[in-house]
């Protein structure tokens, strides 16, 4: 279980990092495409880039640090001695 929580934390961190990197690249690409559309003029005036963006928001994935700490506390305690 602890390994699963650790993987969740590391995957969540990696997804947040990737989303940030790709959001920056996407913004740059959007600017470039908008510039090209402006150069195109009237024939391209109906093109919209409003839907060009991320729909997922990985920053809302909660941390499982508290659960990991609880598992560590249970693992390091001597339950048998406590129950005797």
PDB file of N, CA and C in Angstrom:
ATOM      1  N   UNK A   1       0.828  -1.198   0.000  1.00  0.00           N
ATOM      2  CA  UNK A   1       0.000   0.000   0.000  1.00  0.00           C
ATOM      3  C   UNK A   1       0.869   1.258   0.000  1.00  0.00           C
ATOM      4  N   UNK A   2       1.927   1.237   0.776  1.00  0.00           N
ATOM      5  CA  UNK A   2       2.831   2.387   0.827  1.00  0.00           C
ATOM      6  C   UNK A   2       3.462   2.632  -0.540  1.00  0.00           C
ATOM      7  N   UNK A   3       3.810   1.554  -1.223  1.00  0.00           N
ATOM      8  CA  UNK A   3       4.400   1.689  -2.560  1.00  0.00           C
ATOM      9  C   UNK A   3       3.406   2.318  -3.528  1.00  0.00           C
ATOM     10  N   UNK A   4       2.149   1.941  -3.415  1.00  0.00           N
ATOM     11  CA  UNK A   4       1.116   2.514  -4.287  1.00  0.00           C
ATOM     12  C   UNK A   4       0.957   4.005  -4.022  1.00  0.00           C
ATOM     13  N   UNK A   5       0.929   4.400  -2.750  1.00  0.00           N
ATOM     14  CA  UNK A   5       0.817   5.824  -2.416  1.00  0.00           C
ATOM     15  C   UNK A   5       2.042   6.602  -2.901  1.00  0.00           C
ATOM     16  N   UNK A   6       3.206   6.003  -2.789  1.00  0.00           N
ATOM     17  CA  UNK A   6       4.425   6.656  -3.279  1.00  0.00           C
ATOM     18  C   UNK A   6       4.361   6.865  -4.784  1.00  0.00           C
ATOM     19  N   UNK A   7       3.874   5.859  -5.500  1.00  0.00           N
ATOM     20  CA  UNK A   7       3.732   5.991  -6.955  1.00  0.00           C
ATOM     21  C   UNK A   7       2.711   7.072  -7.310  1.00  0.00           C
ATOM     22  N   UNK A   8       1.631   7.133  -6.550  1.00  0.00           N
ATOM     23  CA  UNK A   8       0.623   8.176  -6.789  1.00  0.00           C
ATOM     24  C   UNK A   8       1.259   9.554  -6.631  1.00  0.00           C
ATOM     25  N   UNK A   9       2.018   9.744  -5.562  1.00  0.00           N
ATOM     26  CA  UNK A   9       2.669  11.037  -5.333  1.00  0.00           C
ATOM     27  C   UNK A   9       3.649  11.381  -6.440  1.00  0.00           C
ATOM     28  N   UNK A  10       4.480  10.436  -6.826  1.00  0.00           N
ATOM     29  CA  UNK A  10       5.479  10.736  -7.854  1.00  0.00           C
ATOM     30  C   UNK A  10       4.825  10.956  -9.213  1.00  0.00           C
ATOM     31  N   UNK A  11       3.795  10.184  -9.527  1.00  0.00           N
ATOM     32  CA  UNK A  11       3.085  10.369 -10.794  1.00  0.00           C
ATOM     33  C   UNK A  11       2.372  11.710 -10.817  1.00  0.00           C
ATOM     34  N   UNK A  12       1.757  12.074  -9.723  1.00  0.00           N
ATOM     35  CA  UNK A  12       1.072  13.362  -9.624  1.00  0.00           C
ATOM     36  C   UNK A  12       2.053  14.511  -9.834  1.00  0.00           C
ATOM     37  N   UNK A  13       3.193  14.439  -9.189  1.00  0.00           N
ATOM     38  CA  UNK A  13       4.212  15.483  -9.350  1.00  0.00           C
ATOM     39  C   UNK A  13       4.679  15.577 -10.792  1.00  0.00           C
ATOM     40  N   UNK A  14       4.895  14.434 -11.394  1.00  0.00           N
ATOM     41  CA  UNK A  14       5.360  14.416 -12.791  1.00  0.00           C
ATOM     42  C   UNK A  14       4.297  14.987 -13.732  1.00  0.00           C
ATOM     43  N   UNK A  15       3.028  14.639 -13.519  1.00  0.00           N
ATOM     44  CA  UNK A  15       1.952  15.175 -14.352  1.00  0.00           C
ATOM     45  C   UNK A  15       1.851  16.690 -14.225  1.00  0.00           C
ATOM     46  N   UNK A  16       1.996  17.201 -13.015  1.00  0.00           N
ATOM     47  CA  UNK A  16       1.950  18.648 -12.796  1.00  0.00           C
ATOM     48  C   UNK A  16       3.107  19.339 -13.517  1.00  0.00           C
ATOM     49  N   UNK A  17       4.284  18.736 -13.440  1.00  0.00           N
ATOM     50  CA  UNK A  17       5.462  19.287 -14.108  1.00  0.00           C
ATOM     51  C   UNK A  17       5.268  19.304 -15.624  1.00  0.00           C
ATOM     52  N   UNK A  18       4.800  18.190 -16.167  1.00  0.00           N
ATOM     53  CA  UNK A  18       4.565  18.107 -17.610  1.00  0.00           C
ATOM     54  C   UNK A  18       3.497  19.093 -18.058  1.00  0.00           C
ATOM     55  N   UNK A  19       2.438  19.223 -17.274  1.00  0.00           N
ATOM     56  CA  UNK A  19       1.375  20.156 -17.636  1.00  0.00           C
ATOM     57  C   UNK A  19       1.915  21.584 -17.690  1.00  0.00           C
ATOM     58  N   UNK A  20       2.738  21.949 -16.749  1.00  0.00           N
ATOM     59  CA  UNK A  20       3.320  23.289 -16.736  1.00  0.00           C
ATOM     60  C   UNK A  20       4.186  23.510 -17.974  1.00  0.00           C
ATOM     61  N   UNK A  21       5.039  22.534 -18.281  1.00  0.00           N
ATOM     62  CA  UNK A  21       5.908  22.648 -19.458  1.00  0.00           C
ATOM     63  C   UNK A  21       5.100  22.741 -20.742  1.00  0.00           C
ATOM     64  N   UNK A  22       4.125  21.880 -20.885  1.00  0.00           N
ATOM     65  CA  UNK A  22       3.329  21.872 -22.112  1.00  0.00           C
ATOM     66  C   UNK A  22       2.421  23.090 -22.211  1.00  0.00           C
ATOM     67  N   UNK A  23       1.966  23.607 -21.098  1.00  0.00           N
ATOM     68  CA  UNK A  23       1.148  24.819 -21.126  1.00  0.00           C
ATOM     69  C   UNK A  23       1.960  25.993 -21.662  1.00  0.00           C
ATOM     70  N   UNK A  24       3.212  26.084 -21.237  1.00  0.00           N
ATOM     71  CA  UNK A  24       4.089  27.149 -21.729  1.00  0.00           C
ATOM     72  C   UNK A  24       4.350  26.984 -23.220  1.00  0.00           C
ATOM     73  N   UNK A  25       4.612  25.772 -23.643  1.00  0.00           N
ATOM     74  CA  UNK A  25       4.854  25.522 -25.071  1.00  0.00           C
ATOM     75  C   UNK A  25       3.602  25.788 -25.896  1.00  0.00           C
ATOM     76  N   UNK A  26       2.461  25.400 -25.357  1.00  0.00           N
ATOM     77  CA  UNK A  26       1.199  25.610 -26.054  1.00  0.00           C
ATOM     78  C   UNK A  26       0.902  27.101 -26.204  1.00  0.00           C
ATOM     79  N   UNK A  27       1.182  27.883 -25.179  1.00  0.00           N
ATOM     80  CA  UNK A  27       0.972  29.335 -25.251  1.00  0.00           C
ATOM     81  C   UNK A  27       1.858  29.941 -26.329  1.00  0.00           C
ATOM     82  N   UNK A  28       3.090  29.489 -26.405  1.00  0.00           N
ATOM     83  CA  UNK A  28       4.006  29.977 -27.438  1.00  0.00           C
ATOM     84  C   UNK A  28       3.517  29.595 -28.832  1.00  0.00           C
ATOM     85  N   UNK A  29       3.063  28.373 -28.969  1.00  0.00           N
ATOM     86  CA  UNK A  29       2.542  27.903 -30.251  1.00  0.00           C
ATOM     87  C   UNK A  29       1.286  28.675 -30.641  1.00  0.00           C
ATOM     88  N   UNK A  30       0.420  28.933 -29.685  1.00  0.00           N
ATOM     89  CA  UNK A  30      -0.802  29.707 -29.949  1.00  0.00           C
ATOM     90  C   UNK A  30      -0.441  31.108 -30.460  1.00  0.00           C
ATOM     91  N   UNK A  31       0.557  31.742 -29.818  1.00  0.00           N
ATOM     92  CA  UNK A  31       0.995  33.069 -30.260  1.00  0.00           C
ATOM     93  C   UNK A  31       1.509  33.033 -31.691  1.00  0.00           C
ATOM     94  N   UNK A  32       2.281  32.001 -31.996  1.00  0.00           N
ATOM     95  CA  UNK A  32       2.822  31.855 -33.347  1.00  0.00           C
ATOM     96  C   UNK A  32       1.710  31.655 -34.376  1.00  0.00           C
ATOM     97  N   UNK A  33       0.751  30.814 -34.048  1.00  0.00           N
ATOM     98  CA  UNK A  33      -0.370  30.563 -34.967  1.00  0.00           C
ATOM     99  C   UNK A  33      -1.211  31.828 -35.132  1.00  0.00           C
ATOM    100  N   UNK A  34      -1.444  32.551 -34.040  1.00  0.00           N
ATOM    101  CA  UNK A  34      -2.198  33.802 -34.131  1.00  0.00           C
ATOM    102  C   UNK A  34      -1.499  34.806 -35.039  1.00  0.00           C
ATOM    103  N   UNK A  35      -0.187  34.872 -34.940  1.00  0.00           N
ATOM    104  CA  UNK A  35       0.583  35.769 -35.808  1.00  0.00           C
ATOM    105  C   UNK A  35       0.413  35.359 -37.266  1.00  0.00           C
ATOM    106  N   UNK A  36       0.479  34.076 -37.529  1.00  0.00           N
ATOM    107  CA  UNK A  36       0.292  33.563 -38.893  1.00  0.00           C
ATOM    108  C   UNK A  36      -1.115  33.878 -39.395  1.00  0.00           C
ATOM    109  N   UNK A  37      -2.106  33.726 -38.540  1.00  0.00           N
ATOM    110  CA  UNK A  37      -3.487  34.028 -38.928  1.00  0.00           C
ATOM    111  C   UNK A  37      -3.666  35.517 -39.231  1.00  0.00           C
ATOM    112  N   UNK A  38      -3.012  36.362 -38.455  1.00  0.00           N
ATOM    113  CA  UNK A  38      -3.087  37.800 -38.716  1.00  0.00           C
ATOM    114  C   UNK A  38      -2.438  38.143 -40.051  1.00  0.00           C
ATOM    115  N   UNK A  39      -1.307  37.500 -40.341  1.00  0.00           N
ATOM    116  CA  UNK A  39      -0.635  37.717 -41.628  1.00  0.00           C
ATOM    117  C   UNK A  39      -1.507  37.246 -42.782  1.00  0.00           C
ATOM    118  N   UNK A  40      -2.278  36.222 -42.557  1.00  0.00           N
ATOM    119  CA  UNK A  40      -3.158  35.660 -43.584  1.00  0.00           C
ATOM    120  C   UNK A  40      -4.259  36.653 -43.957  1.00  0.00           C
ATOM    121  N   UNK A  41      -4.729  37.384 -42.968  1.00  0.00           N
ATOM    122  CA  UNK A  41      -5.746  38.397 -43.233  1.00  0.00           C
ATOM    123  C   UNK A  41      -7.155  37.839 -43.276  1.00  0.00           C
ATOM    124  N   UNK A  42      -7.968  38.419 -44.156  1.00  0.00           N
ATOM    125  CA  UNK A  42      -9.398  38.108 -44.249  1.00  0.00           C
ATOM    126  C   UNK A  42      -9.699  36.622 -44.458  1.00  0.00           C
ATOM    127  N   UNK A  43      -8.968  35.908 -45.311  1.00  0.00           N
ATOM    128  CA  UNK A  43      -9.308  34.485 -45.512  1.00  0.00           C
ATOM    129  C   UNK A  43      -9.241  33.655 -44.218  1.00  0.00           C
ATOM    130  N   UNK A  44      -8.456  34.113 -43.251  1.00  0.00           N
ATOM    131  CA  UNK A  44      -8.288  33.357 -42.004  1.00  0.00           C
ATOM    132  C   UNK A  44      -9.030  33.993 -40.826  1.00  0.00           C
ATOM    133  N   UNK A  45      -9.846  34.981 -41.085  1.00  0.00           N
ATOM    134  CA  UNK A  45     -10.475  35.743 -40.001  1.00  0.00           C
ATOM    135  C   UNK A  45     -11.463  34.924 -39.170  1.00  0.00           C
ATOM    136  N   UNK A  46     -11.988  33.855 -39.719  1.00  0.00           N
ATOM    137  CA  UNK A  46     -12.957  33.036 -38.984  1.00  0.00           C
ATOM    138  C   UNK A  46     -12.313  31.907 -38.178  1.00  0.00           C
ATOM    139  N   UNK A  47     -11.004  31.789 -38.247  1.00  0.00           N
ATOM    140  CA  UNK A  47     -10.305  30.731 -37.511  1.00  0.00           C
ATOM    141  C   UNK A  47     -10.164  31.156 -36.050  1.00  0.00           C
ATOM    142  N   UNK A  48     -10.528  30.263 -35.149  1.00  0.00           N
ATOM    143  CA  UNK A  48     -10.448  30.551 -33.721  1.00  0.00           C
ATOM    144  C   UNK A  48      -9.576  29.511 -33.028  1.00  0.00           C
ATOM    145  N   UNK A  49      -8.775  29.985 -32.114  1.00  0.00           N
ATOM    146  CA  UNK A  49      -7.920  29.087 -31.328  1.00  0.00           C
ATOM    147  C   UNK A  49      -8.427  28.948 -29.892  1.00  0.00           C
ATOM    148  N   UNK A  50      -9.671  29.318 -29.668  1.00  0.00           N
ATOM    149  CA  UNK A  50     -10.233  29.286 -28.314  1.00  0.00           C
ATOM    150  C   UNK A  50     -10.183  27.901 -27.673  1.00  0.00           C
ATOM    151  N   UNK A  51     -10.312  26.868 -28.466  1.00  0.00           N
ATOM    152  CA  UNK A  51     -10.329  25.516 -27.893  1.00  0.00           C
ATOM    153  C   UNK A  51      -8.933  24.894 -27.805  1.00  0.00           C
ATOM    154  N   UNK A  52      -7.914  25.655 -28.192  1.00  0.00           N
ATOM    155  CA  UNK A  52      -6.548  25.143 -28.130  1.00  0.00           C
ATOM    156  C   UNK A  52      -6.017  25.333 -26.709  1.00  0.00           C
ATOM    157  N   UNK A  53      -6.103  24.289 -25.923  1.00  0.00           N
ATOM    158  CA  UNK A  53      -5.648  24.368 -24.540  1.00  0.00           C
ATOM    159  C   UNK A  53      -5.838  23.045 -23.831  1.00  0.00           C
ATOM    160  N   UNK A  54      -5.307  22.991 -22.607  1.00  0.00           N
ATOM    161  CA  UNK A  54      -5.441  21.786 -21.799  1.00  0.00           C
ATOM    162  C   UNK A  54      -6.808  21.747 -21.141  1.00  0.00           C
ATOM    163  N   UNK A  55      -7.407  20.610 -21.146  1.00  0.00           N
ATOM    164  CA  UNK A  55      -8.685  20.420 -20.456  1.00  0.00           C
ATOM    165  C   UNK A  55      -8.460  19.803 -19.075  1.00  0.00           C
ATOM    166  N   UNK A  56      -7.397  19.042 -18.933  1.00  0.00           N
ATOM    167  CA  UNK A  56      -7.091  18.403 -17.648  1.00  0.00           C
ATOM    168  C   UNK A  56      -6.385  19.400 -16.737  1.00  0.00           C
ATOM    169  N   UNK A  57      -6.639  19.270 -15.444  1.00  0.00           N
ATOM    170  CA  UNK A  57      -5.979  20.111 -14.456  1.00  0.00           C
ATOM    171  C   UNK A  57      -5.413  19.198 -13.369  1.00  0.00           C
ATOM    172  N   UNK A  58      -4.148  18.847 -13.526  1.00  0.00           N
ATOM    173  CA  UNK A  58      -3.528  17.902 -12.606  1.00  0.00           C
ATOM    174  C   UNK A  58      -3.198  18.523 -11.250  1.00  0.00           C
ATOM    175  N   UNK A  59      -3.310  19.838 -11.142  1.00  0.00           N
ATOM    176  CA  UNK A  59      -3.009  20.474  -9.857  1.00  0.00           C
ATOM    177  C   UNK A  59      -4.067  20.161  -8.801  1.00  0.00           C
ATOM    178  N   UNK A  60      -5.191  19.605  -9.199  1.00  0.00           N
ATOM    179  CA  UNK A  60      -6.246  19.278  -8.230  1.00  0.00           C
ATOM    180  C   UNK A  60      -6.090  17.867  -7.652  1.00  0.00           C
ATOM    181  N   UNK A  61      -5.094  17.133  -8.107  1.00  0.00           N
ATOM    182  CA  UNK A  61      -4.850  15.800  -7.549  1.00  0.00           C
ATOM    183  C   UNK A  61      -4.314  15.980  -6.129  1.00  0.00           C
ATOM    184  N   UNK A  62      -4.995  15.447  -5.140  1.00  0.00           N
ATOM    185  CA  UNK A  62      -4.559  15.666  -3.756  1.00  0.00           C
ATOM    186  C   UNK A  62      -3.294  14.879  -3.424  1.00  0.00           C
ATOM    187  N   UNK A  63      -2.554  15.409  -2.497  1.00  0.00           N
ATOM    188  CA  UNK A  63      -1.368  14.722  -1.997  1.00  0.00           C
ATOM    189  C   UNK A  63      -1.804  13.555  -1.110  1.00  0.00           C
ATOM    190  N   UNK A  64      -1.004  12.517  -1.097  1.00  0.00           N
ATOM    191  CA  UNK A  64      -1.270  11.385  -0.201  1.00  0.00           C
ATOM    192  C   UNK A  64      -0.170  11.277   0.859  1.00  0.00           C
ATOM    193  N   UNK A  65       0.503  12.403   1.124  1.00  0.00           N
ATOM    194  CA  UNK A  65       1.567  12.426   2.132  1.00  0.00           C
ATOM    195  C   UNK A  65       1.056  12.026   3.512  1.00  0.00           C
ATOM    196  N   UNK A  66      -0.131  12.481   3.854  1.00  0.00           N
ATOM    197  CA  UNK A  66      -0.696  12.160   5.172  1.00  0.00           C
ATOM    198  C   UNK A  66      -0.923  10.651   5.311  1.00  0.00           C
ATOM    199  N   UNK A  67      -1.417  10.029   4.250  1.00  0.00           N
ATOM    200  CA  UNK A  67      -1.646   8.584   4.281  1.00  0.00           C
ATOM    201  C   UNK A  67      -0.315   7.827   4.351  1.00  0.00           C
ATOM    202  N   UNK A  68       0.689   8.316   3.623  1.00  0.00           N
ATOM    203  CA  UNK A  68       2.006   7.686   3.681  1.00  0.00           C
ATOM    204  C   UNK A  68       2.587   7.768   5.094  1.00  0.00           C
ATOM    205  N   UNK A  69       2.447   8.919   5.720  1.00  0.00           N
ATOM    206  CA  UNK A  69       2.947   9.097   7.088  1.00  0.00           C
ATOM    207  C   UNK A  69       2.237   8.143   8.043  1.00  0.00           C
ATOM    208  N   UNK A  70       0.928   8.005   7.902  1.00  0.00           N
ATOM    209  CA  UNK A  70       0.171   7.089   8.763  1.00  0.00           C
ATOM    210  C   UNK A  70       0.649   5.655   8.573  1.00  0.00           C
ATOM    211  N   UNK A  71       0.895   5.261   7.331  1.00  0.00           N
ATOM    212  CA  UNK A  71       1.400   3.907   7.071  1.00  0.00           C
ATOM    213  C   UNK A  71       2.780   3.704   7.685  1.00  0.00           C
ATOM    214  N   UNK A  72       3.638   4.716   7.581  1.00  0.00           N
ATOM    215  CA  UNK A  72       4.969   4.626   8.184  1.00  0.00           C
ATOM    216  C   UNK A  72       4.862   4.492   9.701  1.00  0.00           C
ATOM    217  N   UNK A  73       3.958   5.270  10.301  1.00  0.00           N
ATOM    218  CA  UNK A  73       3.776   5.200  11.755  1.00  0.00           C
ATOM    219  C   UNK A  73       3.322   3.811  12.189  1.00  0.00           C
ATOM    220  N   UNK A  74       2.387   3.230  11.455  1.00  0.00           N
ATOM    221  CA  UNK A  74       1.896   1.889  11.778  1.00  0.00           C
ATOM    222  C   UNK A  74       3.006   0.864  11.573  1.00  0.00           C
ATOM    223  N   UNK A  75       3.748   1.005  10.480  1.00  0.00           N
ATOM    224  CA  UNK A  75       4.819   0.047  10.185  1.00  0.00           C
ATOM    225  C   UNK A  75       5.924   0.096  11.227  1.00  0.00           C
ATOM    226  N   UNK A  76       6.221   1.284  11.730  1.00  0.00           N
ATOM    227  CA  UNK A  76       7.326   1.404  12.685  1.00  0.00           C
ATOM    228  C   UNK A  76       6.903   1.128  14.129  1.00  0.00           C
ATOM    229  N   UNK A  77       5.622   1.039  14.367  1.00  0.00           N
ATOM    230  CA  UNK A  77       5.168   0.762  15.739  1.00  0.00           C
ATOM    231  C   UNK A  77       5.196  -0.742  16.000  1.00  0.00           C
ATOM    232  N   UNK A  78       5.238  -1.081  17.248  1.00  0.00           N
ATOM    233  CA  UNK A  78       5.233  -2.480  17.650  1.00  0.00           C
ATOM    234  C   UNK A  78       3.814  -2.809  18.103  1.00  0.00           C
ATOM    235  N   UNK A  79       2.975  -3.176  17.149  1.00  0.00           N
ATOM    236  CA  UNK A  79       1.564  -3.425  17.447  1.00  0.00           C
ATOM    237  C   UNK A  79       1.367  -4.584  18.423  1.00  0.00           C
ATOM    238  N   UNK A  80       2.185  -5.602  18.308  1.00  0.00           N
ATOM    239  CA  UNK A  80       2.040  -6.761  19.198  1.00  0.00           C
ATOM    240  C   UNK A  80       2.261  -6.335  20.641  1.00  0.00           C
ATOM    241  N   UNK A  81       3.309  -5.566  20.887  1.00  0.00           N
ATOM    242  CA  UNK A  81       3.596  -5.108  22.250  1.00  0.00           C
ATOM    243  C   UNK A  81       2.511  -4.166  22.745  1.00  0.00           C
ATOM    244  N   UNK A  82       1.989  -3.358  21.861  1.00  0.00           N
ATOM    245  CA  UNK A  82       0.931  -2.416  22.235  1.00  0.00           C
ATOM    246  C   UNK A  82      -0.341  -3.144  22.621  1.00  0.00           C
ATOM    247  N   UNK A  83      -0.642  -4.241  21.942  1.00  0.00           N
ATOM    248  CA  UNK A  83      -1.876  -4.977  22.187  1.00  0.00           C
ATOM    249  C   UNK A  83      -1.784  -5.921  23.381  1.00  0.00           C
ATOM    250  N   UNK A  84      -0.597  -6.197  23.854  1.00  0.00           N
ATOM    251  CA  UNK A  84      -0.442  -7.129  24.985  1.00  0.00           C
ATOM    252  C   UNK A  84      -0.788  -6.499  26.294  1.00  0.00           C
TER     253      UNK A  84
END
